[in-house]
């Protein structure tokens, strides 16, 4: 405890007094004409090796066709049909960096202390062993291209090679000019008649294909991560993916207003979307046409990424790797498209936390749909068991290998999500048909929510005060308390004090309702 506390104290004071510094030079970006240097001298492959292809898609809610969504996504739909689809998978927190920090370390945000995009998990947990790092320690070659971890710099203990590349690219001259204005992000979408590789997703795919061709002949099994930034804002995609959709037929949110009885702290002010050129200061002033264009752009981006995954899976087949490579696809958290009177993420609602999750594991030939709750925090222990590795100590998630082998099984697990509003932390537990959320200032409850999702993902009526829900509320509160306790380290009292110091230092610079990437 003393070592961790001392480290955090030193780090916090340096943040408050001097600002953070970077200890490692940036990786070579994935550019239009340059590629990451590769090792072409790998020894011959070992017979019978098993590989992992992990595909992470930013801001992807269950909008795929196979989930009943509007997106045209034939590749991911087919992949789900060939493997196991999880219908009730949840992110630990609905912001990119904190979600990935928790998922790849296998630890709750209250242990990583990563609640926003300003802090990295290596600052708070310098000795933690990440998921790819654990595979690397067990003989795998680990590489990534695109956005896997949130940091642009390669985490050296985790990866043998890799680069994030660009996050946003504009192709239309007028949009390049708008984005070049200081303090301005450019428009919230772009439709350009360009090839796939003109945007980052196509370039990530290109690097992924090169990596697969190289890794196919290596002696070691591989862990290859491909991270697609879209459908993150801005909704930029080649025009042919926009043209897949009939604009007039696109459905807007079924719950475009706050839930009845929704506490103010539960909402998000759509700061991320409002930071883009052309978006009004008040989301209430978005026109129906603007909303339709934004949803259209989101769907176009999903189809664009689906086409990239198709290129990768075709290459797996052509290289003869399909029968020896597990393919796992997931979104890092959900996303609001006008839902609950808001856009983007950063809330505890079902629409922010629920994600698509697909497994295709050739040596687990089961196909089907898993209805039971699972959390993305469960990926770390699950993947170690899928590959026959010893289960590391200290993970907060629980393996769902049993569900992979028998999709009809259900262990009744609850999943925890959370989000911070300044000094107030919102904890949300999903169990059965209900989502229960408690907003806490320290140990004081400032607001509660209880939503019945038996009729879908929309949060319509806060039922926390209804007498007939008292027993449900008691049961859910017990589950929530147990999950919160699981995620707090033994030195929680000291960390809580330090956490508040860090928060107050950051509040001077950042409003907690500001946008997050």
Protein backbone atom coordinates (compact mmCIF):
# COMPACT_ATOMS: atom_id res chain seq x y z
CA UNK A 1 0.00 0.00 0.00
CA UNK A 2 2.78 2.42 0.95
CA UNK A 3 4.54 2.06 -2.41
CA UNK A 4 1.35 2.71 -4.37
CA UNK A 5 0.31 5.61 -2.15
CA UNK A 6 3.72 7.25 -2.40
CA UNK A 7 3.72 6.95 -6.16
CA UNK A 8 0.23 8.40 -6.50
CA UNK A 9 1.00 11.28 -4.18
CA UNK A 10 4.11 12.24 -6.14
CA UNK A 11 2.23 11.95 -9.42
CA UNK A 12 -0.76 13.97 -8.19
CA UNK A 13 1.39 16.82 -6.94
CA UNK A 14 3.31 16.90 -10.21
CA UNK A 15 0.02 17.16 -12.08
CA UNK A 16 -1.18 20.00 -9.87
CA UNK A 17 2.06 21.97 -9.89
CA UNK A 18 3.75 21.33 -13.17
CA UNK A 19 1.48 19.31 -15.49
CA UNK A 20 2.14 15.87 -16.88
CA UNK A 21 5.11 14.93 -19.02
CA UNK A 22 5.65 12.16 -21.55
CA UNK A 23 8.42 9.65 -20.96
CA UNK A 24 8.45 7.99 -24.35
CA UNK A 25 8.69 9.27 -27.89
CA UNK A 26 5.59 8.93 -30.07
CA UNK A 27 5.27 5.93 -32.35
CA UNK A 28 5.52 6.35 -36.08
CA UNK A 29 1.93 7.09 -37.21
CA UNK A 30 0.13 4.94 -39.74
CA UNK A 31 0.15 7.34 -42.66
CA UNK A 32 -1.11 7.29 -46.23
CA UNK A 33 2.17 6.03 -47.71
CA UNK A 34 4.33 4.92 -44.78
CA UNK A 35 4.11 1.64 -42.92
CA UNK A 36 5.42 0.43 -39.60
CA UNK A 37 8.82 -1.30 -39.93
CA UNK A 38 8.40 -5.07 -39.70
CA UNK A 39 10.52 -8.05 -38.83
CA UNK A 40 10.72 -10.24 -41.94
CA UNK A 41 13.04 -12.79 -40.34
CA UNK A 42 10.53 -14.63 -38.17
CA UNK A 43 11.28 -18.37 -37.83
CA UNK A 44 8.88 -20.97 -39.26
CA UNK A 45 5.50 -21.41 -37.60
CA UNK A 46 4.93 -24.04 -34.94
CA UNK A 47 2.31 -26.67 -35.85
CA UNK A 48 -0.97 -26.42 -34.01
CA UNK A 49 -0.51 -22.88 -32.69
CA UNK A 50 -3.64 -20.91 -31.80
CA UNK A 51 -3.92 -17.18 -32.44
CA UNK A 52 -6.10 -14.29 -31.32
CA UNK A 53 -7.46 -11.52 -33.51
CA UNK A 54 -9.03 -8.87 -31.28
CA UNK A 55 -11.09 -6.19 -33.07
CA UNK A 56 -12.12 -3.16 -31.01
CA UNK A 57 -14.62 -0.69 -32.48
CA UNK A 58 -14.94 2.74 -30.90
CA UNK A 59 -18.38 4.02 -29.80
CA UNK A 60 -20.17 1.00 -31.29
CA UNK A 61 -23.56 0.38 -29.74
CA UNK A 62 -25.59 -2.75 -30.69
CA UNK A 63 -26.78 -1.13 -33.92
CA UNK A 64 -25.69 -4.07 -36.11
CA UNK A 65 -28.26 -5.85 -38.21
CA UNK A 66 -27.85 -9.06 -36.23
CA UNK A 67 -28.82 -7.11 -33.09
CA UNK A 68 -31.92 -5.71 -34.78
CA UNK A 69 -30.29 -2.34 -35.47
CA UNK A 70 -30.41 -0.16 -38.57
CA UNK A 71 -26.80 -0.59 -39.66
CA UNK A 72 -26.01 -2.52 -42.81
CA UNK A 73 -23.35 -4.83 -41.42
CA UNK A 74 -23.25 -8.12 -43.37
CA UNK A 75 -19.74 -9.10 -42.25
CA UNK A 76 -20.30 -8.74 -38.52
CA UNK A 77 -23.76 -10.30 -38.86
CA UNK A 78 -22.21 -13.32 -40.54
CA UNK A 79 -19.45 -13.54 -37.95
CA UNK A 80 -22.07 -13.56 -35.19
CA UNK A 81 -23.95 -16.35 -36.96
CA UNK A 82 -20.73 -18.36 -37.20
CA UNK A 83 -19.93 -18.00 -33.52
CA UNK A 84 -21.47 -16.77 -30.28
CA UNK A 85 -23.24 -13.44 -29.92
CA UNK A 86 -23.69 -11.83 -26.52
CA UNK A 87 -26.91 -9.85 -26.28
CA UNK A 88 -26.31 -8.40 -22.80
CA UNK A 89 -22.68 -7.28 -22.70
CA UNK A 90 -21.76 -4.12 -20.78
CA UNK A 91 -18.84 -1.70 -20.54
CA UNK A 92 -17.42 -0.78 -17.13
CA UNK A 93 -17.55 2.95 -17.93
CA UNK A 94 -18.74 4.91 -20.95
CA UNK A 95 -15.63 6.92 -21.83
CA UNK A 96 -12.94 5.57 -24.16
CA UNK A 97 -9.78 5.76 -22.08
CA UNK A 98 -11.25 4.62 -18.73
CA UNK A 99 -13.13 1.77 -20.43
CA UNK A 100 -10.04 0.46 -22.18
CA UNK A 101 -7.89 0.93 -19.07
CA UNK A 102 -10.32 -1.21 -17.06
CA UNK A 103 -10.85 -3.86 -19.75
CA UNK A 104 -7.19 -4.39 -20.59
CA UNK A 105 -6.04 -4.43 -16.96
CA UNK A 106 -9.01 -6.49 -15.77
CA UNK A 107 -9.65 -4.03 -12.95
CA UNK A 108 -12.55 -1.74 -12.04
CA UNK A 109 -12.11 2.01 -12.60
CA UNK A 110 -12.05 2.51 -8.81
CA UNK A 111 -8.81 0.50 -8.81
CA UNK A 112 -7.26 1.96 -11.96
CA UNK A 113 -8.34 5.48 -10.85
CA UNK A 114 -8.75 6.27 -14.55
CA UNK A 115 -12.05 8.11 -14.91
CA UNK A 116 -11.29 10.43 -17.84
CA UNK A 117 -9.00 10.78 -20.83
CA UNK A 118 -6.26 12.71 -19.03
CA UNK A 119 -4.77 9.90 -16.94
CA UNK A 120 -3.15 6.67 -18.14
CA UNK A 121 -3.27 3.37 -16.29
CA UNK A 122 0.56 3.24 -16.19
CA UNK A 123 0.53 6.41 -14.09
CA UNK A 124 -1.75 4.90 -11.48
CA UNK A 125 -0.83 1.18 -11.77
CA UNK A 126 2.71 1.17 -13.18
CA UNK A 127 3.30 -2.55 -12.60
CA UNK A 128 -0.05 -3.90 -13.78
CA UNK A 129 0.07 -6.72 -16.34
CA UNK A 130 -2.28 -6.01 -19.23
CA UNK A 131 -4.14 -8.60 -21.28
CA UNK A 132 -1.74 -8.47 -24.27
CA UNK A 133 1.21 -8.30 -21.89
CA UNK A 134 0.05 -11.52 -20.22
CA UNK A 135 -0.23 -13.23 -23.59
CA UNK A 136 3.22 -11.92 -24.49
CA UNK A 137 4.62 -13.38 -21.27
CA UNK A 138 3.09 -16.70 -22.31
CA UNK A 139 4.84 -16.92 -25.65
CA UNK A 140 2.64 -14.88 -28.00
CA UNK A 141 3.86 -12.20 -30.36
CA UNK A 142 1.68 -9.16 -29.70
CA UNK A 143 1.03 -6.41 -32.23
CA UNK A 144 -1.63 -3.74 -32.66
CA UNK A 145 -2.69 -1.24 -35.29
CA UNK A 146 -5.23 1.50 -34.67
CA UNK A 147 -6.88 2.43 -31.39
CA UNK A 148 -6.56 -0.45 -28.90
CA UNK A 149 -5.26 1.31 -25.81
CA UNK A 150 -6.22 4.98 -25.69
CA UNK A 151 -2.66 6.34 -25.56
CA UNK A 152 -0.93 7.20 -28.83
CA UNK A 153 2.37 5.86 -27.48
CA UNK A 154 2.96 2.14 -27.55
CA UNK A 155 2.82 0.49 -24.14
CA UNK A 156 6.19 -1.26 -24.42
CA UNK A 157 5.52 -4.04 -21.86
CA UNK A 158 2.34 -5.03 -23.75
CA UNK A 159 3.30 -4.95 -27.40
CA UNK A 160 6.11 -6.18 -29.59
CA UNK A 161 5.10 -3.70 -32.29
CA UNK A 162 2.29 -1.37 -33.28
CA UNK A 163 1.02 2.16 -33.80
CA UNK A 164 -2.27 3.99 -33.38
CA UNK A 165 -2.06 6.24 -36.43
CA UNK A 166 -4.38 9.16 -37.12
CA UNK A 167 -7.61 9.61 -35.23
CA UNK A 168 -9.28 12.01 -37.64
CA UNK A 169 -8.69 12.69 -41.34
CA UNK A 170 -10.50 15.19 -43.56
CA UNK A 171 -10.53 14.77 -47.33
CA UNK A 172 -12.68 17.69 -48.53
CA UNK A 173 -10.69 20.96 -48.79
CA UNK A 174 -13.42 23.02 -47.14
CA UNK A 175 -13.45 20.70 -44.15
CA UNK A 176 -9.67 20.69 -43.88
CA UNK A 177 -9.80 24.48 -43.72
CA UNK A 178 -12.46 24.47 -40.99
CA UNK A 179 -10.57 21.88 -38.93
CA UNK A 180 -7.37 23.92 -39.21
CA UNK A 181 -8.91 26.83 -37.27
CA UNK A 182 -7.44 26.91 -33.77
CA UNK A 183 -9.85 25.69 -31.12
CA UNK A 184 -12.21 24.19 -33.69
CA UNK A 185 -12.77 20.55 -34.59
CA UNK A 186 -14.32 20.89 -38.02
CA UNK A 187 -17.75 19.58 -39.04
CA UNK A 188 -19.32 16.60 -37.28
CA UNK A 189 -19.37 14.51 -40.46
CA UNK A 190 -17.89 14.17 -43.93
CA UNK A 191 -19.08 12.36 -47.05
CA UNK A 192 -16.30 12.20 -49.64
CA UNK A 193 -15.93 10.17 -52.82
CA UNK A 194 -12.61 8.61 -51.86
CA UNK A 195 -11.18 5.07 -51.53
CA UNK A 196 -11.33 3.26 -48.19
CA UNK A 197 -7.67 3.94 -47.40
CA UNK A 198 -8.25 7.71 -47.53
CA UNK A 199 -9.55 7.51 -43.95
CA UNK A 200 -7.82 5.95 -40.91
CA UNK A 201 -10.00 2.81 -40.86
CA UNK A 202 -8.77 1.74 -44.28
CA UNK A 203 -5.18 2.37 -43.24
CA UNK A 204 -5.58 0.33 -40.06
CA UNK A 205 -6.90 -2.50 -42.23
CA UNK A 206 -3.95 -2.19 -44.61
CA UNK A 207 -1.49 -2.47 -41.73
CA UNK A 208 -3.49 -5.35 -40.27
CA UNK A 209 -3.31 -7.28 -43.52
CA UNK A 210 0.45 -6.77 -43.69
CA UNK A 211 0.77 -7.96 -40.11
CA UNK A 212 -1.30 -11.08 -40.77
CA UNK A 213 0.83 -12.05 -43.78
CA UNK A 214 3.96 -11.67 -41.70
CA UNK A 215 2.64 -13.32 -38.52
CA UNK A 216 1.23 -16.29 -40.44
CA UNK A 217 4.76 -17.58 -40.95
CA UNK A 218 6.05 -16.87 -37.45
CA UNK A 219 7.01 -19.50 -34.92
CA UNK A 220 4.99 -17.90 -32.15
CA UNK A 221 1.22 -17.74 -31.90
CA UNK A 222 0.04 -14.17 -32.28
CA UNK A 223 -2.21 -11.70 -30.49
CA UNK A 224 -3.16 -9.08 -33.08
CA UNK A 225 -5.28 -6.11 -32.06
CA UNK A 226 -7.01 -3.97 -34.67
CA UNK A 227 -8.72 -0.84 -33.38
CA UNK A 228 -11.21 1.06 -35.52
CA UNK A 229 -11.93 4.65 -34.51
CA UNK A 230 -15.24 4.93 -36.32
CA UNK A 231 -18.10 5.31 -35.62
CA UNK A 232 -16.54 7.87 -33.26
CA UNK A 233 -17.18 11.51 -34.15
CA UNK A 234 -16.67 13.04 -36.64
CA UNK A 235 -18.76 10.70 -38.78
CA UNK A 236 -16.37 10.67 -41.74
CA UNK A 237 -16.72 7.84 -44.26
CA UNK A 238 -16.44 7.33 -48.03
CA UNK A 239 -19.61 8.36 -49.83
CA UNK A 240 -20.45 4.83 -51.00
CA UNK A 241 -21.21 3.84 -47.40
CA UNK A 242 -23.53 6.81 -46.97
CA UNK A 243 -25.23 5.78 -50.21
CA UNK A 244 -26.18 2.39 -48.75
CA UNK A 245 -28.97 4.09 -46.80
CA UNK A 246 -32.30 5.65 -47.68
CA UNK A 247 -32.08 8.87 -45.69
CA UNK A 248 -35.84 9.21 -45.41
CA UNK A 249 -36.16 5.72 -43.91
CA UNK A 250 -33.62 6.25 -41.13
CA UNK A 251 -35.26 6.04 -37.71
CA UNK A 252 -34.45 8.59 -35.04
CA UNK A 253 -34.38 7.88 -31.31
CA UNK A 254 -37.44 6.25 -29.77
CA UNK A 255 -36.69 8.08 -26.50
CA UNK A 256 -35.51 11.59 -27.46
CA UNK A 257 -36.45 13.15 -24.12
CA UNK A 258 -35.26 12.49 -20.55
CA UNK A 259 -36.96 9.69 -18.68
CA UNK A 260 -39.80 10.63 -16.40
CA UNK A 261 -38.21 11.30 -13.01
CA UNK A 262 -34.66 11.28 -14.39
CA UNK A 263 -32.34 13.21 -12.01
CA UNK A 264 -30.35 16.05 -13.53
CA UNK A 265 -27.00 14.49 -12.56
CA UNK A 266 -27.77 11.48 -14.77
CA UNK A 267 -27.78 13.45 -18.01
CA UNK A 268 -24.91 14.54 -20.24
CA UNK A 269 -24.80 17.91 -21.97
CA UNK A 270 -23.58 16.53 -25.33
CA UNK A 271 -20.35 18.50 -25.02
CA UNK A 272 -18.51 16.17 -27.38
CA UNK A 273 -20.91 16.77 -30.26
CA UNK A 274 -21.20 20.51 -29.54
CA UNK A 275 -17.44 20.93 -29.96
CA UNK A 276 -17.80 20.35 -33.72
CA UNK A 277 -18.36 23.10 -36.25
CA UNK A 278 -21.98 23.79 -37.18
CA UNK A 279 -23.57 22.18 -34.12
CA UNK A 280 -25.72 24.62 -32.07
CA UNK A 281 -24.76 25.50 -28.52
CA UNK A 282 -27.97 23.91 -27.27
CA UNK A 283 -28.78 20.39 -28.44
CA UNK A 284 -32.44 21.37 -28.21
CA UNK A 285 -31.79 23.57 -31.25
CA UNK A 286 -30.71 20.66 -33.47
CA UNK A 287 -33.14 20.42 -36.37
CA UNK A 288 -34.75 17.16 -37.42
CA UNK A 289 -32.66 17.33 -40.61
CA UNK A 290 -29.41 17.73 -38.65
CA UNK A 291 -30.31 14.83 -36.36
CA UNK A 292 -31.12 12.64 -39.35
CA UNK A 293 -27.79 13.51 -41.00
CA UNK A 294 -25.88 12.67 -37.82
CA UNK A 295 -27.59 9.28 -37.46
CA UNK A 296 -27.01 8.68 -41.18
CA UNK A 297 -23.31 9.44 -40.70
CA UNK A 298 -23.05 7.11 -37.71
CA UNK A 299 -24.63 4.27 -39.71
CA UNK A 300 -22.37 4.96 -42.70
CA UNK A 301 -19.34 4.69 -40.42
CA UNK A 302 -20.55 1.36 -39.02
CA UNK A 303 -20.91 0.01 -42.57
CA UNK A 304 -17.47 1.35 -43.44
CA UNK A 305 -15.89 -0.49 -40.50
CA UNK A 306 -17.88 -3.62 -41.35
CA UNK A 307 -16.30 -3.57 -44.81
CA UNK A 308 -12.84 -3.31 -43.23
CA UNK A 309 -13.51 -6.33 -41.03
CA UNK A 310 -14.54 -8.19 -44.18
CA UNK A 311 -11.14 -7.49 -45.73
CA UNK A 312 -9.41 -8.83 -42.63
CA UNK A 313 -11.50 -12.00 -42.39
CA UNK A 314 -10.98 -12.72 -46.09
CA UNK A 315 -7.23 -12.49 -45.51
CA UNK A 316 -7.51 -14.92 -42.58
CA UNK A 317 -9.18 -17.39 -44.94
CA UNK A 318 -6.65 -16.88 -47.73
CA UNK A 319 -3.73 -17.39 -45.36
CA UNK A 320 -5.25 -20.58 -43.96
CA UNK A 321 -5.53 -19.02 -40.48
CA UNK A 322 -9.30 -19.13 -39.99
CA UNK A 323 -9.28 -22.53 -38.24
CA UNK A 324 -6.48 -21.59 -35.86
CA UNK A 325 -7.47 -18.01 -34.98
CA UNK A 326 -10.08 -16.89 -32.48
CA UNK A 327 -11.83 -13.70 -33.61
CA UNK A 328 -13.31 -11.47 -30.93
CA UNK A 329 -15.15 -8.23 -31.77
CA UNK A 330 -16.52 -5.68 -29.32
CA UNK A 331 -17.39 -2.01 -28.88
CA UNK A 332 -15.68 -0.15 -26.05
CA UNK A 333 -19.00 1.32 -24.81
CA UNK A 334 -22.41 2.35 -26.11
CA UNK A 335 -23.53 5.62 -27.65
CA UNK A 336 -26.49 7.99 -27.64
CA UNK A 337 -27.93 9.21 -30.93
CA UNK A 338 -30.36 11.72 -29.50
CA UNK A 339 -31.43 9.28 -26.78
CA UNK A 340 -32.39 10.71 -23.36
CA UNK A 341 -32.12 14.20 -24.96
CA UNK A 342 -28.38 13.72 -25.47
CA UNK A 343 -25.66 12.65 -27.90
CA UNK A 344 -22.45 10.60 -27.47
CA UNK A 345 -21.69 8.71 -24.25
CA UNK A 346 -20.65 9.60 -20.67
CA UNK A 347 -23.79 8.38 -18.92
CA UNK A 348 -24.93 5.28 -17.04
CA UNK A 349 -27.95 4.54 -19.21
CA UNK A 350 -28.44 1.23 -20.98
CA UNK A 351 -27.77 2.93 -24.31
CA UNK A 352 -24.35 4.15 -23.08
CA UNK A 353 -23.16 0.93 -21.48
CA UNK A 354 -24.49 -1.93 -23.64
CA UNK A 355 -22.21 -3.08 -26.44
CA UNK A 356 -22.02 -5.74 -29.15
CA UNK A 357 -19.73 -8.67 -28.30
CA UNK A 358 -19.00 -11.51 -30.75
CA UNK A 359 -16.75 -14.55 -30.35
CA UNK A 360 -15.78 -17.00 -33.09
CA UNK A 361 -13.46 -19.61 -31.62
CA UNK A 362 -12.74 -22.54 -33.97
CA UNK A 363 -11.83 -24.93 -31.14
CA UNK A 364 -15.10 -24.08 -29.36
CA UNK A 365 -17.48 -24.89 -32.22
CA UNK A 366 -20.63 -23.76 -30.39
CA UNK A 367 -22.94 -21.32 -32.13
CA UNK A 368 -25.73 -19.36 -30.53
CA UNK A 369 -26.89 -16.32 -28.60
CA UNK A 370 -26.00 -15.68 -24.95
CA UNK A 371 -28.71 -13.84 -23.05
CA UNK A 372 -27.02 -13.72 -19.65
CA UNK A 373 -25.25 -10.57 -18.49
CA UNK A 374 -21.50 -10.34 -19.06
CA UNK A 375 -19.13 -7.42 -18.65
CA UNK A 376 -16.22 -6.38 -20.82
CA UNK A 377 -14.23 -6.60 -17.59
CA UNK A 378 -14.77 -10.37 -17.96
CA UNK A 379 -12.81 -10.51 -21.23
CA UNK A 380 -9.38 -10.82 -19.59
CA UNK A 381 -10.15 -13.97 -17.56
CA UNK A 382 -12.27 -15.44 -20.37
CA UNK A 383 -9.58 -15.13 -23.02
CA UNK A 384 -6.93 -16.62 -20.74
CA UNK A 385 -9.15 -19.67 -20.26
CA UNK A 386 -10.04 -19.89 -23.96
CA UNK A 387 -6.31 -20.20 -24.67
CA UNK A 388 -5.62 -22.59 -21.80
CA UNK A 389 -3.50 -20.14 -19.82
CA UNK A 390 -3.38 -20.03 -16.04
CA UNK A 391 -5.81 -17.50 -14.60
CA UNK A 392 -3.88 -14.47 -13.28
CA UNK A 393 -4.53 -13.34 -9.72
CA UNK A 394 -6.17 -10.01 -8.94
CA UNK A 395 -8.61 -9.77 -11.83
CA UNK A 396 -12.02 -8.29 -11.03
CA UNK A 397 -13.92 -9.90 -13.87
CA UNK A 398 -15.20 -13.48 -14.05
CA UNK A 399 -14.68 -15.80 -16.98
CA UNK A 400 -17.74 -16.56 -19.10
CA UNK A 401 -16.16 -19.57 -20.82
CA UNK A 402 -19.15 -21.64 -19.68
CA UNK A 403 -21.47 -19.34 -21.66
CA UNK A 404 -19.26 -19.72 -24.75
CA UNK A 405 -19.49 -23.49 -24.47
CA UNK A 406 -23.21 -23.45 -23.62
CA UNK A 407 -24.97 -20.24 -24.73
CA UNK A 408 -28.16 -21.25 -22.92
CA UNK A 409 -26.43 -21.20 -19.53
CA UNK A 410 -26.96 -18.30 -17.12
CA UNK A 411 -25.04 -17.78 -13.90
CA UNK A 412 -27.19 -14.81 -12.88
CA UNK A 413 -24.27 -12.40 -12.74
CA UNK A 414 -24.74 -8.65 -12.35
CA UNK A 415 -22.61 -6.14 -14.24
CA UNK A 416 -21.34 -2.81 -12.92
CA UNK A 417 -20.87 0.42 -14.85
CA UNK A 418 -19.98 3.85 -13.53
CA UNK A 419 -19.39 7.46 -14.50
CA UNK A 420 -18.09 10.46 -12.60
CA UNK A 421 -19.65 13.92 -12.32
CA UNK A 422 -17.05 16.01 -10.50
CA UNK A 423 -16.99 14.74 -6.90
CA UNK A 424 -20.14 12.67 -7.46
CA UNK A 425 -19.77 9.08 -8.67
CA UNK A 426 -22.64 7.29 -10.36
CA UNK A 427 -22.64 3.50 -9.99
CA UNK A 428 -25.04 1.42 -12.08
CA UNK A 429 -25.82 -2.29 -11.84
CA UNK A 430 -27.62 -4.34 -14.50
CA UNK A 431 -29.40 -7.50 -13.34
CA UNK A 432 -32.38 -9.30 -14.85
CA UNK A 433 -34.76 -6.80 -16.40
CA UNK A 434 -33.61 -3.85 -14.28
CA UNK A 435 -30.92 -1.21 -14.20
CA UNK A 436 -30.36 0.45 -10.84
CA UNK A 437 -28.13 3.53 -10.56
CA UNK A 438 -26.99 5.32 -7.42
CA UNK A 439 -25.24 8.71 -7.43
CA UNK A 440 -22.94 9.13 -4.43
CA UNK A 441 -20.97 11.99 -2.90
CA UNK A 442 -18.65 9.92 -0.75
CA UNK A 443 -21.03 7.65 1.14
CA UNK A 444 -24.01 10.02 0.77
CA UNK A 445 -26.62 9.11 -1.85
CA UNK A 446 -27.66 12.19 -3.85
CA UNK A 447 -29.93 10.50 -6.43
CA UNK A 448 -31.20 7.08 -7.52
CA UNK A 449 -32.65 5.59 -10.69
CA UNK A 450 -34.44 2.33 -11.42
CA UNK A 451 -35.43 1.43 -14.99
CA UNK A 452 -37.30 -1.60 -16.28
CA UNK A 453 -35.76 -2.72 -19.59
CA UNK A 454 -38.14 -5.56 -20.32
CA UNK A 455 -39.44 -3.54 -23.29
CA UNK A 456 -36.10 -2.46 -24.69
CA UNK A 457 -33.06 -0.26 -24.10
CA UNK A 458 -34.90 3.05 -23.62
CA UNK A 459 -34.99 4.47 -20.08
CA UNK A 460 -38.56 5.74 -19.92
CA UNK A 461 -39.70 5.99 -16.30
CA UNK A 462 -37.60 6.16 -13.14
CA UNK A 463 -39.39 3.68 -10.86
CA UNK A 464 -37.17 4.08 -7.80
CA UNK A 465 -40.04 5.53 -5.68
CA UNK A 466 -42.71 3.02 -6.70
CA UNK A 467 -43.83 0.81 -3.75
CA UNK A 468 -44.05 -2.35 -5.86
CA UNK A 469 -40.33 -2.05 -6.66
CA UNK A 470 -39.11 -2.06 -3.04
CA UNK A 471 -37.97 -5.69 -3.08
CA UNK A 472 -36.32 -5.28 -6.49
CA UNK A 473 -34.60 -2.16 -5.21
CA UNK A 474 -33.30 -3.94 -2.10
CA UNK A 475 -31.92 -6.84 -4.14
CA UNK A 476 -30.28 -4.56 -6.71
CA UNK A 477 -28.79 -2.32 -4.01
CA UNK A 478 -27.15 -5.37 -2.42
CA UNK A 479 -25.66 -6.37 -5.77
CA UNK A 480 -24.46 -2.84 -6.37
CA UNK A 481 -22.76 -2.64 -2.96
CA UNK A 482 -21.02 -5.96 -3.57
CA UNK A 483 -19.75 -4.84 -6.98
CA UNK A 484 -18.51 -1.50 -5.64
CA UNK A 485 -16.65 -3.26 -2.84
CA UNK A 486 -15.05 -5.64 -5.35
CA UNK A 487 -13.55 -2.72 -7.26
CA UNK A 488 -12.10 -0.78 -4.32
CA UNK A 489 -8.49 -1.50 -3.34
CA UNK A 490 -7.51 -2.29 0.24
CA UNK A 491 -6.15 1.24 0.69
CA UNK A 492 -9.45 2.79 -0.42
CA UNK A 493 -9.48 5.44 2.33
CA UNK A 494 -6.10 6.84 1.32
CA UNK A 495 -6.89 6.61 -2.39
CA UNK A 496 -10.21 8.40 -1.89
CA UNK A 497 -8.43 11.33 -0.27
CA UNK A 498 -5.87 11.47 -3.04
CA UNK A 499 -8.56 11.05 -5.70
CA UNK A 500 -10.35 14.14 -4.40
CA UNK A 501 -7.08 16.09 -4.49
CA UNK A 502 -6.58 15.10 -8.11
CA UNK A 503 -10.18 15.92 -9.03
CA UNK A 504 -9.99 19.40 -7.54
CA UNK A 505 -6.74 20.10 -9.34
CA UNK A 506 -8.31 19.10 -12.62
CA UNK A 507 -11.57 20.94 -12.06
CA UNK A 508 -9.57 24.16 -12.28
CA UNK A 509 -8.86 23.31 -15.89
CA UNK A 510 -11.64 20.96 -16.96
CA UNK A 511 -15.37 21.02 -16.39
CA UNK A 512 -16.43 17.42 -15.64
CA UNK A 513 -19.25 17.77 -18.17
CA UNK A 514 -16.87 18.60 -21.00
CA UNK A 515 -16.55 16.27 -23.98
CA UNK A 516 -14.45 13.13 -23.97
CA UNK A 517 -12.92 11.38 -26.96
